[in-house]
PDB file of all heavy atoms in Angstrom:
ATOM      1  N   TRP A   1       0.906 -12.329   2.395  1.00  0.00           N
ATOM      2  CA  TRP A   1      -0.099 -13.296   2.030  1.00  0.00           C
ATOM      3  C   TRP A   1      -0.913 -13.832   3.217  1.00  0.00           C
ATOM      4  O   TRP A   1      -1.885 -14.515   2.979  1.00  0.00           O
ATOM      5  CB  TRP A   1       0.521 -14.461   1.165  1.00  0.00           C
ATOM      6  CG  TRP A   1       1.013 -13.912  -0.096  1.00  0.00           C
ATOM      7  CD1 TRP A   1       2.278 -13.699  -0.535  1.00  0.00           C
ATOM      8  CD2 TRP A   1       0.154 -13.536  -1.257  1.00  0.00           C
ATOM      9  NE1 TRP A   1       2.263 -13.205  -1.784  1.00  0.00           N
ATOM     10  CE2 TRP A   1       0.935 -13.106  -2.229  1.00  0.00           C
ATOM     11  CE3 TRP A   1      -1.248 -13.530  -1.427  1.00  0.00           C
ATOM     12  CZ2 TRP A   1       0.516 -12.577  -3.454  1.00  0.00           C
ATOM     13  CZ3 TRP A   1      -1.719 -13.064  -2.661  1.00  0.00           C
ATOM     14  CH2 TRP A   1      -0.922 -12.628  -3.551  1.00  0.00           C
ATOM     15  N   GLU A   2      -0.483 -13.469   4.425  1.00  0.00           N
ATOM     16  CA  GLU A   2      -1.255 -13.870   5.550  1.00  0.00           C
ATOM     17  C   GLU A   2      -2.432 -13.002   5.759  1.00  0.00           C
ATOM     18  O   GLU A   2      -3.432 -13.326   6.481  1.00  0.00           O
ATOM     19  CB  GLU A   2      -0.403 -13.889   6.799  1.00  0.00           C
ATOM     20  CG  GLU A   2      -0.097 -12.603   7.399  1.00  0.00           C
ATOM     21  CD  GLU A   2       1.075 -11.939   6.579  1.00  0.00           C
ATOM     22  OE1 GLU A   2       1.767 -12.539   5.710  1.00  0.00           O
ATOM     23  OE2 GLU A   2       1.380 -10.687   6.843  1.00  0.00           O
ATOM     24  N   ARG A   3      -2.395 -11.833   5.071  1.00  0.00           N
ATOM     25  CA  ARG A   3      -3.613 -10.948   5.199  1.00  0.00           C
ATOM     26  C   ARG A   3      -4.804 -11.364   4.311  1.00  0.00           C
ATOM     27  O   ARG A   3      -4.624 -12.155   3.427  1.00  0.00           O
ATOM     28  CB  ARG A   3      -3.190  -9.521   4.635  1.00  0.00           C
ATOM     29  CG  ARG A   3      -1.904  -9.010   5.317  1.00  0.00           C
ATOM     30  CD  ARG A   3      -2.101  -8.442   6.574  1.00  0.00           C
ATOM     31  NE  ARG A   3      -3.030  -7.279   6.626  1.00  0.00           N
ATOM     32  CZ  ARG A   3      -2.847  -6.237   7.401  1.00  0.00           C
ATOM     33  NH1 ARG A   3      -1.775  -6.200   8.195  1.00  0.00           N
ATOM     34  NH2 ARG A   3      -3.635  -5.243   7.390  1.00  0.00           N
ATOM     35  N   PRO A   4      -5.965 -10.826   4.563  1.00  0.00           N
ATOM     36  CA  PRO A   4      -7.203 -11.204   3.785  1.00  0.00           C
ATOM     37  C   PRO A   4      -6.958 -10.693   2.284  1.00  0.00           C
ATOM     38  O   PRO A   4      -6.167  -9.713   2.027  1.00  0.00           O
ATOM     39  CB  PRO A   4      -8.347 -10.458   4.341  1.00  0.00           C
ATOM     40  CG  PRO A   4      -7.900 -10.080   5.742  1.00  0.00           C
ATOM     41  CD  PRO A   4      -6.383 -10.022   5.779  1.00  0.00           C
ATOM     42  N   ASP A   5      -7.607 -11.400   1.367  1.00  0.00           N
ATOM     43  CA  ASP A   5      -7.368 -10.983  -0.080  1.00  0.00           C
ATOM     44  C   ASP A   5      -7.570  -9.526  -0.250  1.00  0.00           C
ATOM     45  O   ASP A   5      -6.759  -8.922  -1.189  1.00  0.00           O
ATOM     46  CB  ASP A   5      -8.451 -11.737  -0.997  1.00  0.00           C
ATOM     47  CG  ASP A   5      -8.201 -13.249  -1.107  1.00  0.00           C
ATOM     48  OD1 ASP A   5      -7.062 -13.645  -0.612  1.00  0.00           O
ATOM     49  OD2 ASP A   5      -8.971 -13.892  -1.579  1.00  0.00           O
ATOM     50  N   GLU A   6      -8.517  -8.904   0.277  1.00  0.00           N
ATOM     51  CA  GLU A   6      -8.733  -7.505   0.025  1.00  0.00           C
ATOM     52  C   GLU A   6      -7.751  -6.621   0.656  1.00  0.00           C
ATOM     53  O   GLU A   6      -7.728  -5.341   0.421  1.00  0.00           O
ATOM     54  CB  GLU A   6     -10.206  -7.140   0.536  1.00  0.00           C
ATOM     55  CG  GLU A   6     -10.389  -7.152   1.973  1.00  0.00           C
ATOM     56  CD  GLU A   6     -10.787  -8.519   2.538  1.00  0.00           C
ATOM     57  OE1 GLU A   6     -10.821  -9.542   1.709  1.00  0.00           O
ATOM     58  OE2 GLU A   6     -11.040  -8.818   3.756  1.00  0.00           O
ATOM     59  N   GLU A   7      -6.777  -7.089   1.453  1.00  0.00           N
ATOM     60  CA  GLU A   7      -5.819  -6.203   2.024  1.00  0.00           C
ATOM     61  C   GLU A   7      -4.324  -6.535   1.471  1.00  0.00           C
ATOM     62  O   GLU A   7      -3.359  -6.112   1.994  1.00  0.00           O
ATOM     63  CB  GLU A   7      -5.658  -6.484   3.536  1.00  0.00           C
ATOM     64  CG  GLU A   7      -6.973  -6.038   4.150  1.00  0.00           C
ATOM     65  CD  GLU A   7      -6.884  -6.145   5.723  1.00  0.00           C
ATOM     66  OE1 GLU A   7      -5.810  -6.454   6.242  1.00  0.00           O
ATOM     67  OE2 GLU A   7      -7.932  -5.924   6.328  1.00  0.00           O
ATOM     68  N   ARG A   8      -4.301  -7.269   0.322  1.00  0.00           N
ATOM     69  CA  ARG A   8      -2.961  -7.524  -0.283  1.00  0.00           C
ATOM     70  C   ARG A   8      -2.993  -7.268  -1.827  1.00  0.00           C
ATOM     71  O   ARG A   8      -4.110  -7.185  -2.348  1.00  0.00           O
ATOM     72  CB  ARG A   8      -2.505  -8.922   0.129  1.00  0.00           C
ATOM     73  CG  ARG A   8      -3.432 -10.044  -0.365  1.00  0.00           C
ATOM     74  CD  ARG A   8      -2.861 -11.356  -0.029  1.00  0.00           C
ATOM     75  NE  ARG A   8      -3.638 -12.378  -0.693  1.00  0.00           N
ATOM     76  CZ  ARG A   8      -4.097 -13.471  -0.155  1.00  0.00           C
ATOM     77  NH1 ARG A   8      -3.886 -13.652   1.275  1.00  0.00           N
ATOM     78  NH2 ARG A   8      -4.723 -14.348  -0.847  1.00  0.00           N
ATOM     79  N   LYS A   9      -1.826  -7.164  -2.444  1.00  0.00           N
ATOM     80  CA  LYS A   9      -1.719  -6.719  -3.785  1.00  0.00           C
ATOM     81  C   LYS A   9      -2.497  -7.811  -4.652  1.00  0.00           C
ATOM     82  O   LYS A   9      -2.573  -8.828  -4.285  1.00  0.00           O
ATOM     83  CB  LYS A   9      -0.346  -6.598  -4.249  1.00  0.00           C
ATOM     84  CG  LYS A   9       0.593  -7.908  -4.174  1.00  0.00           C
ATOM     85  CD  LYS A   9       1.925  -7.532  -4.599  1.00  0.00           C
ATOM     86  CE  LYS A   9       2.822  -8.803  -4.495  1.00  0.00           C
ATOM     87  NZ  LYS A   9       4.108  -8.538  -4.844  1.00  0.00           N
ATOM     88  N   PRO A  10      -3.169  -7.258  -5.688  1.00  0.00           N
ATOM     89  CA  PRO A  10      -3.087  -5.955  -6.350  1.00  0.00           C
ATOM     90  C   PRO A  10      -4.144  -4.888  -5.725  1.00  0.00           C
ATOM     91  O   PRO A  10      -4.132  -3.843  -6.271  1.00  0.00           O
ATOM     92  CB  PRO A  10      -3.542  -6.269  -7.702  1.00  0.00           C
ATOM     93  CG  PRO A  10      -4.416  -7.390  -7.649  1.00  0.00           C
ATOM     94  CD  PRO A  10      -3.945  -8.254  -6.429  1.00  0.00           C
ATOM     95  N   SER A  11      -4.727  -5.178  -4.526  1.00  0.00           N
ATOM     96  CA  SER A  11      -5.520  -4.258  -3.915  1.00  0.00           C
ATOM     97  C   SER A  11      -4.792  -2.929  -3.588  1.00  0.00           C
ATOM     98  O   SER A  11      -3.596  -3.123  -3.153  1.00  0.00           O
ATOM     99  CB  SER A  11      -6.198  -4.825  -2.650  1.00  0.00           C
ATOM    100  OG  SER A  11      -6.797  -3.852  -1.811  1.00  0.00           O
ATOM    101  N   PRO A  12      -5.316  -1.826  -3.650  1.00  0.00           N
ATOM    102  CA  PRO A  12      -4.567  -0.610  -3.262  1.00  0.00           C
ATOM    103  C   PRO A  12      -4.415  -0.480  -1.736  1.00  0.00           C
ATOM    104  O   PRO A  12      -3.845   0.426  -1.230  1.00  0.00           O
ATOM    105  CB  PRO A  12      -5.271   0.495  -3.833  1.00  0.00           C
ATOM    106  CG  PRO A  12      -6.708   0.008  -4.026  1.00  0.00           C
ATOM    107  CD  PRO A  12      -6.528  -1.543  -4.258  1.00  0.00           C
ATOM    108  N   PHE A  13      -5.160  -1.415  -0.942  1.00  0.00           N
ATOM    109  CA  PHE A  13      -5.143  -1.240   0.496  1.00  0.00           C
ATOM    110  C   PHE A  13      -3.769  -0.947   1.132  1.00  0.00           C
ATOM    111  O   PHE A  13      -3.714   0.013   1.990  1.00  0.00           O
ATOM    112  CB  PHE A  13      -5.812  -2.507   1.106  1.00  0.00           C
ATOM    113  CG  PHE A  13      -5.941  -2.505   2.527  1.00  0.00           C
ATOM    114  CD1 PHE A  13      -7.030  -1.844   3.297  1.00  0.00           C
ATOM    115  CD2 PHE A  13      -4.953  -2.981   3.438  1.00  0.00           C
ATOM    116  CE1 PHE A  13      -7.150  -1.824   4.602  1.00  0.00           C
ATOM    117  CE2 PHE A  13      -5.051  -3.085   4.736  1.00  0.00           C
ATOM    118  CZ  PHE A  13      -6.168  -2.403   5.375  1.00  0.00           C
ATOM    119  N   PRO A  14      -2.819  -1.772   0.858  1.00  0.00           N
ATOM    120  CA  PRO A  14      -1.549  -1.549   1.591  1.00  0.00           C
ATOM    121  C   PRO A  14      -0.984  -0.205   1.390  1.00  0.00           C
ATOM    122  O   PRO A  14      -0.426   0.568   2.292  1.00  0.00           O
ATOM    123  CB  PRO A  14      -0.603  -2.622   0.989  1.00  0.00           C
ATOM    124  CG  PRO A  14      -1.486  -3.695   0.481  1.00  0.00           C
ATOM    125  CD  PRO A  14      -2.702  -2.915   0.026  1.00  0.00           C
ATOM    126  N   ILE A  15      -1.031   0.336   0.192  1.00  0.00           N
ATOM    127  CA  ILE A  15      -0.508   1.797  -0.090  1.00  0.00           C
ATOM    128  C   ILE A  15      -1.303   2.752   0.553  1.00  0.00           C
ATOM    129  O   ILE A  15      -0.790   3.626   1.150  1.00  0.00           O
ATOM    130  CB  ILE A  15      -0.400   1.920  -1.591  1.00  0.00           C
ATOM    131  CG1 ILE A  15       0.613   1.047  -2.329  1.00  0.00           C
ATOM    132  CG2 ILE A  15       0.026   3.404  -1.912  1.00  0.00           C
ATOM    133  CD1 ILE A  15       0.656   1.079  -3.776  1.00  0.00           C
ATOM    134  N   LEU A  16      -2.657   2.535   0.427  1.00  0.00           N
ATOM    135  CA  LEU A  16      -3.504   3.596   1.063  1.00  0.00           C
ATOM    136  C   LEU A  16      -3.267   3.591   2.622  1.00  0.00           C
ATOM    137  O   LEU A  16      -3.313   4.701   3.229  1.00  0.00           O
ATOM    138  CB  LEU A  16      -5.048   3.261   0.738  1.00  0.00           C
ATOM    139  CG  LEU A  16      -5.291   3.382  -0.761  1.00  0.00           C
ATOM    140  CD1 LEU A  16      -6.768   3.028  -1.003  1.00  0.00           C
ATOM    141  CD2 LEU A  16      -5.023   4.726  -1.243  1.00  0.00           C
ATOM    142  N   LYS A  17      -3.044   2.568   3.209  1.00  0.00           N
ATOM    143  CA  LYS A  17      -2.850   2.584   4.710  1.00  0.00           C
ATOM    144  C   LYS A  17      -1.547   3.147   5.073  1.00  0.00           C
ATOM    145  O   LYS A  17      -1.487   3.868   6.053  1.00  0.00           O
ATOM    146  CB  LYS A  17      -2.894   0.985   5.227  1.00  0.00           C
ATOM    147  CG  LYS A  17      -4.333   0.557   5.320  1.00  0.00           C
ATOM    148  CD  LYS A  17      -5.241   1.549   6.062  1.00  0.00           C
ATOM    149  CE  LYS A  17      -6.172   0.828   7.051  1.00  0.00           C
ATOM    150  NZ  LYS A  17      -7.055   1.838   7.660  1.00  0.00           N
ATOM    151  N   ILE A  18      -0.527   2.863   4.318  1.00  0.00           N
ATOM    152  CA  ILE A  18       0.797   3.426   4.558  1.00  0.00           C
ATOM    153  C   ILE A  18       0.729   4.954   4.340  1.00  0.00           C
ATOM    154  O   ILE A  18       1.397   5.677   5.111  1.00  0.00           O
ATOM    155  CB  ILE A  18       1.822   2.705   3.646  1.00  0.00           C
ATOM    156  CG1 ILE A  18       2.082   1.280   4.208  1.00  0.00           C
ATOM    157  CG2 ILE A  18       3.168   3.575   3.625  1.00  0.00           C
ATOM    158  CD1 ILE A  18       2.920   0.425   3.246  1.00  0.00           C
ATOM    159  N   MET A  19       0.012   5.320   3.291  1.00  0.00           N
ATOM    160  CA  MET A  19      -0.105   6.786   3.025  1.00  0.00           C
ATOM    161  C   MET A  19      -0.752   7.464   4.197  1.00  0.00           C
ATOM    162  O   MET A  19      -0.358   8.579   4.595  1.00  0.00           O
ATOM    163  CB  MET A  19      -0.976   7.026   1.702  1.00  0.00           C
ATOM    164  CG  MET A  19      -0.195   6.730   0.367  1.00  0.00           C
ATOM    165  SD  MET A  19      -1.061   6.775  -1.036  1.00  0.00           S
ATOM    166  CE  MET A  19      -1.164   8.543  -1.229  1.00  0.00           C
ATOM    167  N   GLU A  20      -1.775   6.900   4.717  1.00  0.00           N
ATOM    168  CA  GLU A  20      -2.557   7.492   5.748  1.00  0.00           C
ATOM    169  C   GLU A  20      -1.692   7.496   7.084  1.00  0.00           C
ATOM    170  O   GLU A  20      -1.536   8.433   7.742  1.00  0.00           O
ATOM    171  CB  GLU A  20      -3.698   6.659   6.029  1.00  0.00           C
ATOM    172  CG  GLU A  20      -4.698   7.043   7.179  1.00  0.00           C
ATOM    173  CD  GLU A  20      -5.880   6.144   7.302  1.00  0.00           C
ATOM    174  OE1 GLU A  20      -6.386   5.476   6.395  1.00  0.00           O
ATOM    175  OE2 GLU A  20      -6.281   6.016   8.530  1.00  0.00           O
ATOM    176  N   LYS A  21      -1.139   6.322   7.438  1.00  0.00           N
ATOM    177  CA  LYS A  21      -0.367   6.188   8.697  1.00  0.00           C
ATOM    178  C   LYS A  21       0.855   7.159   8.702  1.00  0.00           C
ATOM    179  O   LYS A  21       1.128   7.743   9.793  1.00  0.00           O
ATOM    180  CB  LYS A  21       0.142   4.794   8.826  1.00  0.00           C
ATOM    181  CG  LYS A  21       0.937   4.515  10.050  1.00  0.00           C
ATOM    182  CD  LYS A  21       1.250   3.144  10.302  1.00  0.00           C
ATOM    183  CE  LYS A  21       2.002   2.990  11.658  1.00  0.00           C
ATOM    184  NZ  LYS A  21       2.345   1.593  11.916  1.00  0.00           N
ATOM    185  N   TYR A  22       1.566   7.325   7.595  1.00  0.00           N
ATOM    186  CA  TYR A  22       2.733   8.138   7.557  1.00  0.00           C
ATOM    187  C   TYR A  22       2.508   9.512   6.870  1.00  0.00           C
ATOM    188  O   TYR A  22       3.487  10.156   6.658  1.00  0.00           O
ATOM    189  CB  TYR A  22       3.836   7.370   6.905  1.00  0.00           C
ATOM    190  CG  TYR A  22       4.303   6.057   7.622  1.00  0.00           C
ATOM    191  CD1 TYR A  22       3.796   4.912   7.142  1.00  0.00           C
ATOM    192  CD2 TYR A  22       5.057   6.158   8.769  1.00  0.00           C
ATOM    193  CE1 TYR A  22       4.156   3.673   7.891  1.00  0.00           C
ATOM    194  CE2 TYR A  22       5.426   4.968   9.451  1.00  0.00           C
ATOM    195  CZ  TYR A  22       4.923   3.736   9.008  1.00  0.00           C
ATOM    196  OH  TYR A  22       5.227   2.610   9.655  1.00  0.00           O
ATOM    197  N   CYS A  23       1.296   9.822   6.586  1.00  0.00           N
ATOM    198  CA  CYS A  23       1.005  11.067   6.126  1.00  0.00           C
ATOM    199  C   CYS A  23       1.775  11.440   4.714  1.00  0.00           C
ATOM    200  O   CYS A  23       2.396  12.461   4.621  1.00  0.00           O
ATOM    201  CB  CYS A  23       1.221  12.323   6.975  1.00  0.00           C
ATOM    202  SG  CYS A  23       0.143  12.192   8.578  1.00  0.00           S
ATOM    203  N   LEU A  24       1.819  10.407   3.803  1.00  0.00           N
ATOM    204  CA  LEU A  24       2.526  10.453   2.477  1.00  0.00           C
ATOM    205  C   LEU A  24       1.547  10.827   1.455  1.00  0.00           C
ATOM    206  O   LEU A  24       0.473  10.384   1.382  1.00  0.00           O
ATOM    207  CB  LEU A  24       3.282   9.260   2.308  1.00  0.00           C
ATOM    208  CG  LEU A  24       4.322   8.753   3.328  1.00  0.00           C
ATOM    209  CD1 LEU A  24       4.820   7.381   3.017  1.00  0.00           C
ATOM    210  CD2 LEU A  24       5.533   9.728   3.194  1.00  0.00           C
ATOM    211  N   LYS A  25       2.238  11.556   0.476  1.00  0.00           N
ATOM    212  CA  LYS A  25       1.527  11.877  -0.755  1.00  0.00           C
ATOM    213  C   LYS A  25       1.989  10.890  -1.817  1.00  0.00           C
ATOM    214  O   LYS A  25       3.003  10.262  -1.647  1.00  0.00           O
ATOM    215  CB  LYS A  25       1.805  13.267  -1.281  1.00  0.00           C
ATOM    216  CG  LYS A  25       1.455  14.348  -0.226  1.00  0.00           C
ATOM    217  CD  LYS A  25       1.865  15.720  -0.795  1.00  0.00           C
ATOM    218  CE  LYS A  25       1.524  16.764   0.351  1.00  0.00           C
ATOM    219  NZ  LYS A  25       2.144  17.973  -0.074  1.00  0.00           N
ATOM    220  N   SER A  26       1.138  10.615  -2.809  1.00  0.00           N
ATOM    221  CA  SER A  26       1.550   9.704  -3.843  1.00  0.00           C
ATOM    222  C   SER A  26       2.849   9.887  -4.420  1.00  0.00           C
ATOM    223  O   SER A  26       3.578   8.974  -4.802  1.00  0.00           O
ATOM    224  CB  SER A  26       0.411   9.604  -4.929  1.00  0.00           C
ATOM    225  OG  SER A  26       0.313  10.876  -5.559  1.00  0.00           O
ATOM    226  N   GLU A  27       3.254  11.082  -4.611  1.00  0.00           N
ATOM    227  CA  GLU A  27       4.552  11.433  -5.244  1.00  0.00           C
ATOM    228  C   GLU A  27       5.709  11.214  -4.249  1.00  0.00           C
ATOM    229  O   GLU A  27       6.848  11.235  -4.758  1.00  0.00           O
ATOM    230  CB  GLU A  27       4.620  12.870  -5.712  1.00  0.00           C
ATOM    231  CG  GLU A  27       4.406  13.936  -4.743  1.00  0.00           C
ATOM    232  CD  GLU A  27       3.015  14.367  -4.473  1.00  0.00           C
ATOM    233  OE1 GLU A  27       2.120  13.614  -5.011  1.00  0.00           O
ATOM    234  OE2 GLU A  27       2.840  15.378  -3.829  1.00  0.00           O
ATOM    235  N   GLU A  28       5.467  10.855  -3.125  1.00  0.00           N
ATOM    236  CA  GLU A  28       6.535  10.562  -2.145  1.00  0.00           C
ATOM    237  C   GLU A  28       6.774   8.932  -1.940  1.00  0.00           C
ATOM    238  O   GLU A  28       7.586   8.675  -1.141  1.00  0.00           O
ATOM    239  CB  GLU A  28       6.157  11.114  -0.774  1.00  0.00           C
ATOM    240  CG  GLU A  28       6.049  12.582  -0.747  1.00  0.00           C
ATOM    241  CD  GLU A  28       5.531  13.148   0.570  1.00  0.00           C
ATOM    242  OE1 GLU A  28       4.507  12.716   1.081  1.00  0.00           O
ATOM    243  OE2 GLU A  28       6.273  14.039   1.125  1.00  0.00           O
ATOM    244  N   ILE A  29       6.123   8.179  -2.726  1.00  0.00           N
ATOM    245  CA  ILE A  29       6.175   6.818  -2.660  1.00  0.00           C
ATOM    246  C   ILE A  29       6.662   6.180  -3.916  1.00  0.00           C
ATOM    247  O   ILE A  29       6.381   6.562  -5.061  1.00  0.00           O
ATOM    248  CB  ILE A  29       4.646   6.212  -2.378  1.00  0.00           C
ATOM    249  CG1 ILE A  29       4.250   6.726  -1.041  1.00  0.00           C
ATOM    250  CG2 ILE A  29       4.649   4.652  -2.395  1.00  0.00           C
ATOM    251  CD1 ILE A  29       2.785   6.421  -0.678  1.00  0.00           C
ATOM    252  N   LEU A  30       7.506   5.189  -3.788  1.00  0.00           N
ATOM    253  CA  LEU A  30       7.908   4.311  -4.799  1.00  0.00           C
ATOM    254  C   LEU A  30       7.768   2.811  -4.397  1.00  0.00           C
ATOM    255  O   LEU A  30       8.242   2.375  -3.367  1.00  0.00           O
ATOM    256  CB  LEU A  30       9.452   4.476  -5.118  1.00  0.00           C
ATOM    257  CG  LEU A  30      10.105   3.609  -6.096  1.00  0.00           C
ATOM    258  CD1 LEU A  30       9.568   3.870  -7.447  1.00  0.00           C
ATOM    259  CD2 LEU A  30      11.627   3.692  -6.099  1.00  0.00           C
ATOM    260  N   ILE A  31       6.978   2.119  -5.303  1.00  0.00           N
ATOM    261  CA  ILE A  31       6.687   0.696  -5.051  1.00  0.00           C
ATOM    262  C   ILE A  31       7.810  -0.079  -5.862  1.00  0.00           C
ATOM    263  O   ILE A  31       8.067   0.272  -7.043  1.00  0.00           O
ATOM    264  CB  ILE A  31       5.351   0.279  -5.535  1.00  0.00           C
ATOM    265  CG1 ILE A  31       4.266   1.026  -4.716  1.00  0.00           C
ATOM    266  CG2 ILE A  31       5.164  -1.270  -5.337  1.00  0.00           C
ATOM    267  CD1 ILE A  31       4.359   0.804  -3.244  1.00  0.00           C
ATOM    268  N   VAL A  32       8.451  -0.960  -5.281  1.00  0.00           N
ATOM    269  CA  VAL A  32       9.482  -1.797  -5.975  1.00  0.00           C
ATOM    270  C   VAL A  32       8.963  -3.199  -5.886  1.00  0.00           C
ATOM    271  O   VAL A  32       8.729  -3.806  -4.786  1.00  0.00           O
ATOM    272  CB  VAL A  32      10.979  -1.753  -5.257  1.00  0.00           C
ATOM    273  CG1 VAL A  32      11.769  -2.707  -6.103  1.00  0.00           C
ATOM    274  CG2 VAL A  32      11.339  -0.267  -5.243  1.00  0.00           C
ATOM    275  N   ASP A  33       8.724  -3.906  -7.104  1.00  0.00           N
ATOM    276  CA  ASP A  33       8.181  -5.186  -7.014  1.00  0.00           C
ATOM    277  C   ASP A  33       8.587  -5.913  -8.365  1.00  0.00           C
ATOM    278  O   ASP A  33       9.205  -5.334  -9.206  1.00  0.00           O
ATOM    279  CB  ASP A  33       6.656  -5.190  -6.995  1.00  0.00           C
ATOM    280  CG  ASP A  33       5.983  -6.397  -6.451  1.00  0.00           C
ATOM    281  OD1 ASP A  33       6.420  -7.527  -6.636  1.00  0.00           O
ATOM    282  OD2 ASP A  33       4.920  -6.384  -5.909  1.00  0.00           O
ATOM    283  N   ASP A  34       8.540  -7.180  -8.270  1.00  0.00           N
ATOM    284  CA  ASP A  34       8.870  -8.079  -9.409  1.00  0.00           C
ATOM    285  C   ASP A  34       7.811  -8.592 -10.268  1.00  0.00           C
ATOM    286  O   ASP A  34       8.172  -9.274 -11.209  1.00  0.00           O
ATOM    287  CB  ASP A  34       9.839  -9.115  -8.962  1.00  0.00           C
ATOM    288  CG  ASP A  34       9.160 -10.136  -8.078  1.00  0.00           C
ATOM    289  OD1 ASP A  34       8.112  -9.856  -7.551  1.00  0.00           O
ATOM    290  OD2 ASP A  34       9.670 -11.355  -7.999  1.00  0.00           O
TER     291      ASP A  34
END
């Protein structure tokens, strides 16, 4: 929550950045949230 609004959920920004940084495909990711 210390990030700007556009960089935190429900924005796709965190997932897209992680996918880019670690060269991951969508099928290689699992989001766990409450």
